[in-house]
Each structure stands twice: as C-alpha cells, then as structure tokens.
C-alpha cells in the first residue's frame, strides 16, 4: 500500500444518502429520501461558489451507522462530529459554521 500525497482538507464532510424506503420488511429509518445524491452535488457546487474548493470536501456515503427517524445524518472531520439535520440548507449552515471556526483569522 502506498500513501497518496494530496492536500489535507480543512473540513471533510461525509453525508449519508442511504434510502431504505423500497426495501421489503424494513423497519429501520434512513437518511434518504430527505437527502439525495443530487442534493450532495448541489452542496459541492455551493462549496466551490464559496471559494472553499480544496479546503472542504463533501463525500456521499450509504450508511454512517447512526440511523435517525426524524433527521438525516452526516459526520464532519477532523472533529469526528456526527450531526443530524432536516434539510440540505441546514447542512450548509453547519459547514459554514465549522469553516469559520477552523479558518485561521
């Protein structure tokens, strides 16, 4: 195994888009369809528009292991902060708050 030398982001966001709605006999909640792959694409575009490309990474994932019936789940690194949110806009607000905390003044 070889390391890949790539700039470390200031913030890396992993967004669960798992949707169990169509699974038979499913009783577990899921993050989708409240958030979709298209929503994550829009968040990535927003990150670029904010001028944070290379500083903030956003990655969609299928499951983070923390299912929540009332909200979607994401995790923000390097803090390892798990968050629940209701709309992509709330997630953008959390990203903005984290970036402002982490950016050197």
PDB file of N, CA and C in Angstrom:
ATOM      1  N   UNK A   1       0.856  -1.166   0.000  1.00  0.00           N
ATOM      2  CA  UNK A   1       0.000   0.000   0.000  1.00  0.00           C
ATOM      3  C   UNK A   1       0.907   1.236   0.000  1.00  0.00           C
ATOM      4  N   UNK A   2       0.550   2.233  -0.810  1.00  0.00           N
ATOM      5  CA  UNK A   2       1.299   3.478  -0.883  1.00  0.00           C
ATOM      6  C   UNK A   2       0.393   4.645  -0.525  1.00  0.00           C
ATOM      7  N   UNK A   3       0.955   5.591   0.209  1.00  0.00           N
ATOM      8  CA  UNK A   3       0.217   6.806   0.529  1.00  0.00           C
ATOM      9  C   UNK A   3       0.018   7.640  -0.735  1.00  0.00           C
ATOM     10  N   UNK A   4      -1.092   8.325  -0.804  1.00  0.00           N
ATOM     11  CA  UNK A   4      -1.352   9.295  -1.854  1.00  0.00           C
ATOM     12  C   UNK A   4      -1.124  10.665  -1.243  1.00  0.00           C
ATOM     13  N   UNK A   5      -0.224  11.412  -1.804  1.00  0.00           N
ATOM     14  CA  UNK A   5       0.077  12.732  -1.274  1.00  0.00           C
ATOM     15  C   UNK A   5      -0.858  13.746  -1.918  1.00  0.00           C
ATOM     16  N   UNK A   6      -1.771  14.236  -1.113  1.00  0.00           N
ATOM     17  CA  UNK A   6      -2.815  15.136  -1.574  1.00  0.00           C
ATOM     18  C   UNK A   6      -3.079  16.118  -0.439  1.00  0.00           C
ATOM     19  N   UNK A   7      -3.367  17.361  -0.757  1.00  0.00           N
ATOM     20  CA  UNK A   7      -3.593  18.331   0.334  1.00  0.00           C
ATOM     21  C   UNK A   7      -4.714  17.897   1.267  1.00  0.00           C
ATOM     22  N   UNK A   8      -4.446  17.973   2.563  1.00  0.00           N
ATOM     23  CA  UNK A   8      -5.448  17.635   3.567  1.00  0.00           C
ATOM     24  C   UNK A   8      -6.471  18.767   3.631  1.00  0.00           C
ATOM     25  N   UNK A   9      -7.770  18.427   3.577  1.00  0.00           N
ATOM     26  CA  UNK A   9      -8.780  19.476   3.663  1.00  0.00           C
ATOM     27  C   UNK A   9      -8.901  20.024   5.084  1.00  0.00           C
ATOM     28  N   UNK A  10      -9.408  21.205   5.172  1.00  0.00           N
ATOM     29  CA  UNK A  10      -9.719  21.821   6.456  1.00  0.00           C
ATOM     30  C   UNK A  10     -10.895  21.084   7.106  1.00  0.00           C
ATOM     31  N   UNK A  11     -11.851  20.692   6.270  1.00  0.00           N
ATOM     32  CA  UNK A  11     -13.073  20.027   6.720  1.00  0.00           C
ATOM     33  C   UNK A  11     -13.450  18.972   5.693  1.00  0.00           C
ATOM     34  N   UNK A  12     -13.788  17.784   6.160  1.00  0.00           N
ATOM     35  CA  UNK A  12     -14.278  16.730   5.267  1.00  0.00           C
ATOM     36  C   UNK A  12     -15.617  16.257   5.816  1.00  0.00           C
ATOM     37  N   UNK A  13     -16.629  16.408   4.991  1.00  0.00           N
ATOM     38  CA  UNK A  13     -17.999  16.079   5.358  1.00  0.00           C
ATOM     39  C   UNK A  13     -18.416  14.794   4.650  1.00  0.00           C
ATOM     40  N   UNK A  14     -18.927  13.837   5.424  1.00  0.00           N
ATOM     41  CA  UNK A  14     -19.478  12.604   4.874  1.00  0.00           C
ATOM     42  C   UNK A  14     -20.985  12.647   5.099  1.00  0.00           C
ATOM     43  N   UNK A  15     -21.754  12.555   4.015  1.00  0.00           N
ATOM     44  CA  UNK A  15     -23.209  12.717   4.068  1.00  0.00           C
ATOM     45  C   UNK A  15     -23.883  11.395   3.712  1.00  0.00           C
ATOM     46  N   UNK A  16     -24.666  10.861   4.631  1.00  0.00           N
ATOM     47  CA  UNK A  16     -25.416   9.635   4.362  1.00  0.00           C
ATOM     48  C   UNK A  16     -26.590   9.941   3.437  1.00  0.00           C
ATOM     49  N   UNK A  17     -26.684   9.157   2.351  1.00  0.00           N
ATOM     50  CA  UNK A  17     -27.824   9.294   1.433  1.00  0.00           C
ATOM     51  C   UNK A  17     -28.598   7.974   1.343  1.00  0.00           C
ATOM     52  N   UNK A  18     -28.362   7.070   2.287  1.00  0.00           N
ATOM     53  CA  UNK A  18     -28.987   5.755   2.257  1.00  0.00           C
ATOM     54  C   UNK A  18     -30.508   5.879   2.295  1.00  0.00           C
ATOM     55  N   UNK A  19     -31.172   5.149   1.395  1.00  0.00           N
ATOM     56  CA  UNK A  19     -32.634   5.167   1.327  1.00  0.00           C
ATOM     57  C   UNK A  19     -33.151   3.736   1.394  1.00  0.00           C
ATOM     58  N   UNK A  20     -33.733   3.392   2.516  1.00  0.00           N
ATOM     59  CA  UNK A  20     -34.276   2.049   2.716  1.00  0.00           C
ATOM     60  C   UNK A  20     -35.771   1.973   2.404  1.00  0.00           C
ATOM     61  N   UNK A  21     -36.344   3.027   1.905  1.00  0.00           N
ATOM     62  CA  UNK A  21     -37.804   3.102   1.719  1.00  0.00           C
ATOM     63  C   UNK A  21     -38.352   1.955   0.869  1.00  0.00           C
ATOM     64  N   UNK A  22     -37.627   1.528  -0.141  1.00  0.00           N
ATOM     65  CA  UNK A  22     -38.140   0.481  -1.025  1.00  0.00           C
ATOM     66  C   UNK A  22     -37.793  -0.927  -0.599  1.00  0.00           C
ATOM     67  N   UNK A  23     -37.145  -1.087   0.522  1.00  0.00           N
ATOM     68  CA  UNK A  23     -36.733  -2.424   0.970  1.00  0.00           C
ATOM     69  C   UNK A  23     -37.901  -3.133   1.651  1.00  0.00           C
ATOM     70  N   UNK A  24     -38.194  -4.348   1.232  1.00  0.00           N
ATOM     71  CA  UNK A  24     -39.290  -5.083   1.878  1.00  0.00           C
ATOM     72  C   UNK A  24     -38.953  -5.420   3.332  1.00  0.00           C
ATOM     73  N   UNK A  25     -39.951  -5.397   4.171  1.00  0.00           N
ATOM     74  CA  UNK A  25     -39.821  -5.727   5.595  1.00  0.00           C
ATOM     75  C   UNK A  25     -38.805  -4.849   6.326  1.00  0.00           C
ATOM     76  N   UNK A  26     -38.625  -3.636   5.866  1.00  0.00           N
ATOM     77  CA  UNK A  26     -37.688  -2.726   6.522  1.00  0.00           C
ATOM     78  C   UNK A  26     -38.397  -1.940   7.608  1.00  0.00           C
ATOM     79  N   UNK A  27     -37.801  -1.910   8.778  1.00  0.00           N
ATOM     80  CA  UNK A  27     -38.364  -1.110   9.858  1.00  0.00           C
ATOM     81  C   UNK A  27     -37.384  -0.029  10.312  1.00  0.00           C
ATOM     82  N   UNK A  28     -36.197  -0.010   9.721  1.00  0.00           N
ATOM     83  CA  UNK A  28     -35.183   0.977  10.100  1.00  0.00           C
ATOM     84  C   UNK A  28     -35.385   2.270   9.327  1.00  0.00           C
ATOM     85  N   UNK A  29     -35.185   3.398   9.977  1.00  0.00           N
ATOM     86  CA  UNK A  29     -35.252   4.679   9.265  1.00  0.00           C
ATOM     87  C   UNK A  29     -34.020   4.857   8.378  1.00  0.00           C
ATOM     88  N   UNK A  30     -34.076   5.822   7.489  1.00  0.00           N
ATOM     89  CA  UNK A  30     -32.921   6.112   6.647  1.00  0.00           C
ATOM     90  C   UNK A  30     -32.852   7.596   6.341  1.00  0.00           C
ATOM     91  N   UNK A  31     -31.689   8.033   5.908  1.00  0.00           N
ATOM     92  CA  UNK A  31     -31.462   9.463   5.623  1.00  0.00           C
ATOM     93  C   UNK A  31     -32.144   9.890   4.332  1.00  0.00           C
ATOM     94  N   UNK A  32     -32.099   9.030   3.327  1.00  0.00           N
ATOM     95  CA  UNK A  32     -32.833   9.309   2.095  1.00  0.00           C
ATOM     96  C   UNK A  32     -34.266   8.886   2.308  1.00  0.00           C
ATOM     97  N   UNK A  33     -35.209   9.442   1.628  1.00  0.00           N
ATOM     98  CA  UNK A  33     -35.066  10.402   0.533  1.00  0.00           C
ATOM     99  C   UNK A  33     -34.987  11.866   0.976  1.00  0.00           C
ATOM    100  N   UNK A  34     -34.782  12.128   2.288  1.00  0.00           N
ATOM    101  CA  UNK A  34     -34.655  13.528   2.720  1.00  0.00           C
ATOM    102  C   UNK A  34     -33.468  14.209   2.067  1.00  0.00           C
ATOM    103  N   UNK A  35     -32.383  13.448   1.815  1.00  0.00           N
ATOM    104  CA  UNK A  35     -31.233  13.975   1.085  1.00  0.00           C
ATOM    105  C   UNK A  35     -30.853  12.949   0.028  1.00  0.00           C
ATOM    106  N   UNK A  36     -30.491  13.446  -1.152  1.00  0.00           N
ATOM    107  CA  UNK A  36     -30.192  12.583  -2.289  1.00  0.00           C
ATOM    108  C   UNK A  36     -28.793  12.879  -2.823  1.00  0.00           C
ATOM    109  N   UNK A  37     -28.359  12.047  -3.760  1.00  0.00           N
ATOM    110  CA  UNK A  37     -27.070  12.284  -4.422  1.00  0.00           C
ATOM    111  C   UNK A  37     -27.072  13.639  -5.123  1.00  0.00           C
ATOM    112  N   UNK A  38     -28.205  14.035  -5.699  1.00  0.00           N
ATOM    113  CA  UNK A  38     -28.297  15.344  -6.348  1.00  0.00           C
ATOM    114  C   UNK A  38     -28.142  16.484  -5.348  1.00  0.00           C
ATOM    115  N   UNK A  39     -28.691  16.314  -4.154  1.00  0.00           N
ATOM    116  CA  UNK A  39     -28.512  17.333  -3.103  1.00  0.00           C
ATOM    117  C   UNK A  39     -27.034  17.486  -2.746  1.00  0.00           C
ATOM    118  N   UNK A  40     -26.313  16.362  -2.675  1.00  0.00           N
ATOM    119  CA  UNK A  40     -24.890  16.416  -2.359  1.00  0.00           C
ATOM    120  C   UNK A  40     -24.131  17.131  -3.482  1.00  0.00           C
ATOM    121  N   UNK A  41     -24.517  16.891  -4.733  1.00  0.00           N
ATOM    122  CA  UNK A  41     -23.900  17.615  -5.861  1.00  0.00           C
ATOM    123  C   UNK A  41     -24.108  19.117  -5.716  1.00  0.00           C
ATOM    124  N   UNK A  42     -25.308  19.510  -5.300  1.00  0.00           N
ATOM    125  CA  UNK A  42     -25.588  20.935  -5.100  1.00  0.00           C
ATOM    126  C   UNK A  42     -24.750  21.509  -3.963  1.00  0.00           C
ATOM    127  N   UNK A  43     -24.563  20.746  -2.910  1.00  0.00           N
ATOM    128  CA  UNK A  43     -23.721  21.206  -1.797  1.00  0.00           C
ATOM    129  C   UNK A  43     -22.286  21.381  -2.285  1.00  0.00           C
ATOM    130  N   UNK A  44     -21.809  20.449  -3.117  1.00  0.00           N
ATOM    131  CA  UNK A  44     -20.453  20.568  -3.675  1.00  0.00           C
ATOM    132  C   UNK A  44     -20.329  21.825  -4.530  1.00  0.00           C
ATOM    133  N   UNK A  45     -21.342  22.107  -5.333  1.00  0.00           N
ATOM    134  CA  UNK A  45     -21.332  23.341  -6.144  1.00  0.00           C
ATOM    135  C   UNK A  45     -21.299  24.573  -5.243  1.00  0.00           C
ATOM    136  N   UNK A  46     -22.074  24.544  -4.182  1.00  0.00           N
ATOM    137  CA  UNK A  46     -22.109  25.641  -3.222  1.00  0.00           C
ATOM    138  C   UNK A  46     -20.733  25.841  -2.581  1.00  0.00           C
ATOM    139  N   UNK A  47     -20.069  24.738  -2.235  1.00  0.00           N
ATOM    140  CA  UNK A  47     -18.723  24.815  -1.659  1.00  0.00           C
ATOM    141  C   UNK A  47     -17.771  25.509  -2.628  1.00  0.00           C
ATOM    142  N   UNK A  48     -17.839  25.161  -3.890  1.00  0.00           N
ATOM    143  CA  UNK A  48     -16.994  25.805  -4.910  1.00  0.00           C
ATOM    144  C   UNK A  48     -17.328  27.288  -5.015  1.00  0.00           C
ATOM    145  N   UNK A  49     -18.617  27.626  -5.035  1.00  0.00           N
ATOM    146  CA  UNK A  49     -19.041  29.033  -5.127  1.00  0.00           C
ATOM    147  C   UNK A  49     -18.540  29.842  -3.933  1.00  0.00           C
ATOM    148  N   UNK A  50     -18.441  29.211  -2.768  1.00  0.00           N
ATOM    149  CA  UNK A  50     -17.951  29.897  -1.568  1.00  0.00           C
ATOM    150  C   UNK A  50     -16.437  30.094  -1.610  1.00  0.00           C
ATOM    151  N   UNK A  51     -15.778  29.477  -2.597  1.00  0.00           N
ATOM    152  CA  UNK A  51     -14.326  29.583  -2.700  1.00  0.00           C
ATOM    153  C   UNK A  51     -13.593  28.605  -1.804  1.00  0.00           C
ATOM    154  N   UNK A  52     -14.268  27.541  -1.375  1.00  0.00           N
ATOM    155  CA  UNK A  52     -13.698  26.587  -0.433  1.00  0.00           C
ATOM    156  C   UNK A  52     -13.238  25.286  -1.091  1.00  0.00           C
ATOM    157  N   UNK A  53     -13.222  25.221  -2.431  1.00  0.00           N
ATOM    158  CA  UNK A  53     -12.755  24.015  -3.111  1.00  0.00           C
ATOM    159  C   UNK A  53     -11.325  23.745  -2.664  1.00  0.00           C
ATOM    160  N   UNK A  54     -11.041  22.511  -2.315  1.00  0.00           N
ATOM    161  CA  UNK A  54      -9.729  22.153  -1.801  1.00  0.00           C
ATOM    162  C   UNK A  54      -9.617  22.298  -0.291  1.00  0.00           C
ATOM    163  N   UNK A  55     -10.461  23.125   0.294  1.00  0.00           N
ATOM    164  CA  UNK A  55     -10.480  23.288   1.754  1.00  0.00           C
ATOM    165  C   UNK A  55     -11.563  22.430   2.396  1.00  0.00           C
ATOM    166  N   UNK A  56     -12.676  22.259   1.675  1.00  0.00           N
ATOM    167  CA  UNK A  56     -13.814  21.497   2.187  1.00  0.00           C
ATOM    168  C   UNK A  56     -14.151  20.392   1.187  1.00  0.00           C
ATOM    169  N   UNK A  57     -14.107  19.166   1.656  1.00  0.00           N
ATOM    170  CA  UNK A  57     -14.507  18.029   0.826  1.00  0.00           C
ATOM    171  C   UNK A  57     -15.879  17.567   1.300  1.00  0.00           C
ATOM    172  N   UNK A  58     -16.670  17.090   0.360  1.00  0.00           N
ATOM    173  CA  UNK A  58     -18.003  16.572   0.674  1.00  0.00           C
ATOM    174  C   UNK A  58     -18.158  15.237  -0.055  1.00  0.00           C
ATOM    175  N   UNK A  59     -18.393  14.179   0.711  1.00  0.00           N
ATOM    176  CA  UNK A  59     -18.470  12.834   0.156  1.00  0.00           C
ATOM    177  C   UNK A  59     -19.794  12.192   0.558  1.00  0.00           C
ATOM    178  N   UNK A  60     -20.495  11.643  -0.424  1.00  0.00           N
ATOM    179  CA  UNK A  60     -21.740  10.931  -0.106  1.00  0.00           C
ATOM    180  C   UNK A  60     -21.398   9.489   0.256  1.00  0.00           C
ATOM    181  N   UNK A  61     -22.122   8.971   1.247  1.00  0.00           N
ATOM    182  CA  UNK A  61     -21.944   7.591   1.698  1.00  0.00           C
ATOM    183  C   UNK A  61     -23.309   6.944   1.857  1.00  0.00           C
ATOM    184  N   UNK A  62     -23.325   5.626   1.923  1.00  0.00           N
ATOM    185  CA  UNK A  62     -24.586   4.900   2.037  1.00  0.00           C
ATOM    186  C   UNK A  62     -25.071   4.736   3.462  1.00  0.00           C
ATOM    187  N   UNK A  63     -24.173   4.634   4.429  1.00  0.00           N
ATOM    188  CA  UNK A  63     -24.615   4.495   5.809  1.00  0.00           C
ATOM    189  C   UNK A  63     -23.485   4.869   6.745  1.00  0.00           C
ATOM    190  N   UNK A  64     -23.799   5.642   7.761  1.00  0.00           N
ATOM    191  CA  UNK A  64     -22.828   6.016   8.783  1.00  0.00           C
ATOM    192  C   UNK A  64     -23.061   5.242  10.079  1.00  0.00           C
ATOM    193  N   UNK A  65     -24.112   4.418  10.106  1.00  0.00           N
ATOM    194  CA  UNK A  65     -24.372   3.590  11.270  1.00  0.00           C
ATOM    195  C   UNK A  65     -25.239   4.230  12.337  1.00  0.00           C
ATOM    196  N   UNK A  66     -25.611   5.495  12.135  1.00  0.00           N
ATOM    197  CA  UNK A  66     -26.458   6.200  13.092  1.00  0.00           C
ATOM    198  C   UNK A  66     -27.769   6.555  12.403  1.00  0.00           C
ATOM    199  N   UNK A  67     -28.708   5.639  12.396  1.00  0.00           N
ATOM    200  CA  UNK A  67     -29.992   5.892  11.753  1.00  0.00           C
ATOM    201  C   UNK A  67     -30.860   6.734  12.682  1.00  0.00           C
ATOM    202  N   UNK A  68     -31.613   7.639  12.077  1.00  0.00           N
ATOM    203  CA  UNK A  68     -32.426   8.559  12.856  1.00  0.00           C
ATOM    204  C   UNK A  68     -33.765   8.705  12.159  1.00  0.00           C
ATOM    205  N   UNK A  69     -34.836   8.495  12.862  1.00  0.00           N
ATOM    206  CA  UNK A  69     -36.151   8.536  12.226  1.00  0.00           C
ATOM    207  C   UNK A  69     -36.605   9.943  11.872  1.00  0.00           C
ATOM    208  N   UNK A  70     -36.078  10.965  12.534  1.00  0.00           N
ATOM    209  CA  UNK A  70     -36.567  12.312  12.297  1.00  0.00           C
ATOM    210  C   UNK A  70     -35.650  13.219  11.512  1.00  0.00           C
ATOM    211  N   UNK A  71     -34.442  12.752  11.178  1.00  0.00           N
ATOM    212  CA  UNK A  71     -33.495  13.625  10.506  1.00  0.00           C
ATOM    213  C   UNK A  71     -32.459  12.789   9.763  1.00  0.00           C
ATOM    214  N   UNK A  72     -31.700  13.451   8.901  1.00  0.00           N
ATOM    215  CA  UNK A  72     -30.597  12.805   8.193  1.00  0.00           C
ATOM    216  C   UNK A  72     -29.313  12.984   9.006  1.00  0.00           C
ATOM    217  N   UNK A  73     -28.291  12.179   8.684  1.00  0.00           N
ATOM    218  CA  UNK A  73     -27.061  12.151   9.464  1.00  0.00           C
ATOM    219  C   UNK A  73     -25.856  12.444   8.573  1.00  0.00           C
ATOM    220  N   UNK A  74     -24.901  13.179   9.132  1.00  0.00           N
ATOM    221  CA  UNK A  74     -23.617  13.447   8.478  1.00  0.00           C
ATOM    222  C   UNK A  74     -22.550  13.454   9.562  1.00  0.00           C
ATOM    223  N   UNK A  75     -21.299  13.363   9.135  1.00  0.00           N
ATOM    224  CA  UNK A  75     -20.181  13.467  10.087  1.00  0.00           C
ATOM    225  C   UNK A  75     -19.155  14.430   9.499  1.00  0.00           C
ATOM    226  N   UNK A  76     -18.655  15.312  10.365  1.00  0.00           N
ATOM    227  CA  UNK A  76     -17.690  16.326   9.959  1.00  0.00           C
ATOM    228  C   UNK A  76     -16.335  15.997  10.578  1.00  0.00           C
ATOM    229  N   UNK A  77     -15.327  15.895   9.724  1.00  0.00           N
ATOM    230  CA  UNK A  77     -13.956  15.660  10.187  1.00  0.00           C
ATOM    231  C   UNK A  77     -13.116  16.882   9.891  1.00  0.00           C
ATOM    232  N   UNK A  78     -12.148  17.210  10.714  1.00  0.00           N
ATOM    233  CA  UNK A  78     -11.394  16.309  11.570  1.00  0.00           C
ATOM    234  C   UNK A  78     -11.977  16.095  12.960  1.00  0.00           C
ATOM    235  N   UNK A  79     -13.037  16.779  13.336  1.00  0.00           N
ATOM    236  CA  UNK A  79     -13.582  16.641  14.698  1.00  0.00           C
ATOM    237  C   UNK A  79     -14.253  15.292  14.940  1.00  0.00           C
ATOM    238  N   UNK A  80     -14.725  14.636  13.884  1.00  0.00           N
ATOM    239  CA  UNK A  80     -15.496  13.416  14.067  1.00  0.00           C
ATOM    240  C   UNK A  80     -16.850  13.723  14.674  1.00  0.00           C
ATOM    241  N   UNK A  81     -17.394  14.877  14.310  1.00  0.00           N
ATOM    242  CA  UNK A  81     -18.656  15.377  14.867  1.00  0.00           C
ATOM    243  C   UNK A  81     -19.843  14.837  14.046  1.00  0.00           C
ATOM    244  N   UNK A  82     -20.628  13.964  14.652  1.00  0.00           N
ATOM    245  CA  UNK A  82     -21.833  13.462  13.999  1.00  0.00           C
ATOM    246  C   UNK A  82     -22.958  14.463  14.231  1.00  0.00           C
ATOM    247  N   UNK A  83     -23.697  14.770  13.168  1.00  0.00           N
ATOM    248  CA  UNK A  83     -24.782  15.738  13.267  1.00  0.00           C
ATOM    249  C   UNK A  83     -26.033  15.183  12.590  1.00  0.00           C
ATOM    250  N   UNK A  84     -27.177  15.645  13.068  1.00  0.00           N
ATOM    251  CA  UNK A  84     -28.426  15.344  12.369  1.00  0.00           C
ATOM    252  C   UNK A  84     -28.999  16.669  11.891  1.00  0.00           C
ATOM    253  N   UNK A  85     -29.681  16.614  10.766  1.00  0.00           N
ATOM    254  CA  UNK A  85     -30.216  17.827  10.150  1.00  0.00           C
ATOM    255  C   UNK A  85     -31.454  17.447   9.348  1.00  0.00           C
ATOM    256  N   UNK A  86     -32.253  18.454   8.987  1.00  0.00           N
ATOM    257  CA  UNK A  86     -33.508  18.187   8.289  1.00  0.00           C
ATOM    258  C   UNK A  86     -33.502  18.583   6.816  1.00  0.00           C
ATOM    259  N   UNK A  87     -32.667  19.533   6.435  1.00  0.00           N
ATOM    260  CA  UNK A  87     -32.628  19.996   5.043  1.00  0.00           C
ATOM    261  C   UNK A  87     -31.173  20.178   4.606  1.00  0.00           C
ATOM    262  N   UNK A  88     -30.911  20.128   3.304  1.00  0.00           N
ATOM    263  CA  UNK A  88     -29.565  20.424   2.821  1.00  0.00           C
ATOM    264  C   UNK A  88     -29.097  21.824   3.232  1.00  0.00           C
ATOM    265  N   UNK A  89     -30.022  22.761   3.364  1.00  0.00           N
ATOM    266  CA  UNK A  89     -29.659  24.118   3.773  1.00  0.00           C
ATOM    267  C   UNK A  89     -29.118  24.140   5.203  1.00  0.00           C
ATOM    268  N   UNK A  90     -29.695  23.330   6.081  1.00  0.00           N
ATOM    269  CA  UNK A  90     -29.172  23.216   7.448  1.00  0.00           C
ATOM    270  C   UNK A  90     -27.756  22.657   7.424  1.00  0.00           C
ATOM    271  N   UNK A  91     -27.516  21.702   6.537  1.00  0.00           N
ATOM    272  CA  UNK A  91     -26.183  21.128   6.411  1.00  0.00           C
ATOM    273  C   UNK A  91     -25.189  22.190   5.924  1.00  0.00           C
ATOM    274  N   UNK A  92     -25.606  23.011   4.981  1.00  0.00           N
ATOM    275  CA  UNK A  92     -24.746  24.104   4.508  1.00  0.00           C
ATOM    276  C   UNK A  92     -24.433  25.070   5.647  1.00  0.00           C
ATOM    277  N   UNK A  93     -25.407  25.362   6.466  1.00  0.00           N
ATOM    278  CA  UNK A  93     -25.196  26.255   7.608  1.00  0.00           C
ATOM    279  C   UNK A  93     -24.158  25.659   8.566  1.00  0.00           C
ATOM    280  N   UNK A  94     -24.248  24.348   8.814  1.00  0.00           N
ATOM    281  CA  UNK A  94     -23.282  23.688   9.687  1.00  0.00           C
ATOM    282  C   UNK A  94     -21.877  23.734   9.086  1.00  0.00           C
ATOM    283  N   UNK A  95     -21.781  23.525   7.778  1.00  0.00           N
ATOM    284  CA  UNK A  95     -20.485  23.595   7.098  1.00  0.00           C
ATOM    285  C   UNK A  95     -19.902  24.989   7.273  1.00  0.00           C
ATOM    286  N   UNK A  96     -20.732  25.996   7.032  1.00  0.00           N
ATOM    287  CA  UNK A  96     -20.271  27.381   7.148  1.00  0.00           C
ATOM    288  C   UNK A  96     -19.769  27.677   8.565  1.00  0.00           C
ATOM    289  N   UNK A  97     -20.502  27.238   9.567  1.00  0.00           N
ATOM    290  CA  UNK A  97     -20.093  27.454  10.954  1.00  0.00           C
ATOM    291  C   UNK A  97     -18.768  26.755  11.256  1.00  0.00           C
ATOM    292  N   UNK A  98     -18.609  25.529  10.785  1.00  0.00           N
ATOM    293  CA  UNK A  98     -17.361  24.781  11.012  1.00  0.00           C
ATOM    294  C   UNK A  98     -16.189  25.456  10.323  1.00  0.00           C
ATOM    295  N   UNK A  99     -16.387  25.897   9.081  1.00  0.00           N
ATOM    296  CA  UNK A  99     -15.309  26.542   8.342  1.00  0.00           C
ATOM    297  C   UNK A  99     -14.868  27.799   9.056  1.00  0.00           C
ATOM    298  N   UNK A 100     -15.818  28.594   9.526  1.00  0.00           N
ATOM    299  CA  UNK A 100     -15.469  29.842  10.222  1.00  0.00           C
ATOM    300  C   UNK A 100     -14.720  29.569  11.522  1.00  0.00           C
ATOM    301  N   UNK A 101     -15.022  28.455  12.181  1.00  0.00           N
ATOM    302  CA  UNK A 101     -14.302  28.081  13.396  1.00  0.00           C
ATOM    303  C   UNK A 101     -12.884  27.609  13.085  1.00  0.00           C
ATOM    304  N   UNK A 102     -12.717  26.924  11.945  1.00  0.00           N
ATOM    305  CA  UNK A 102     -11.437  26.301  11.613  1.00  0.00           C
ATOM    306  C   UNK A 102     -10.478  27.188  10.819  1.00  0.00           C
ATOM    307  N   UNK A 103     -11.038  28.190  10.123  1.00  0.00           N
ATOM    308  CA  UNK A 103     -10.188  29.030   9.270  1.00  0.00           C
ATOM    309  C   UNK A 103      -9.339  29.954  10.129  1.00  0.00           C
ATOM    310  N   UNK A 104      -8.061  30.032   9.806  1.00  0.00           N
ATOM    311  CA  UNK A 104      -7.225  30.980  10.536  1.00  0.00           C
ATOM    312  C   UNK A 104      -7.662  32.421  10.246  1.00  0.00           C
ATOM    313  N   UNK A 105      -7.643  33.247  11.252  1.00  0.00           N
ATOM    314  CA  UNK A 105      -8.089  34.631  11.088  1.00  0.00           C
ATOM    315  C   UNK A 105      -6.994  35.484  10.497  1.00  0.00           C
TER     316      UNK A 105
END
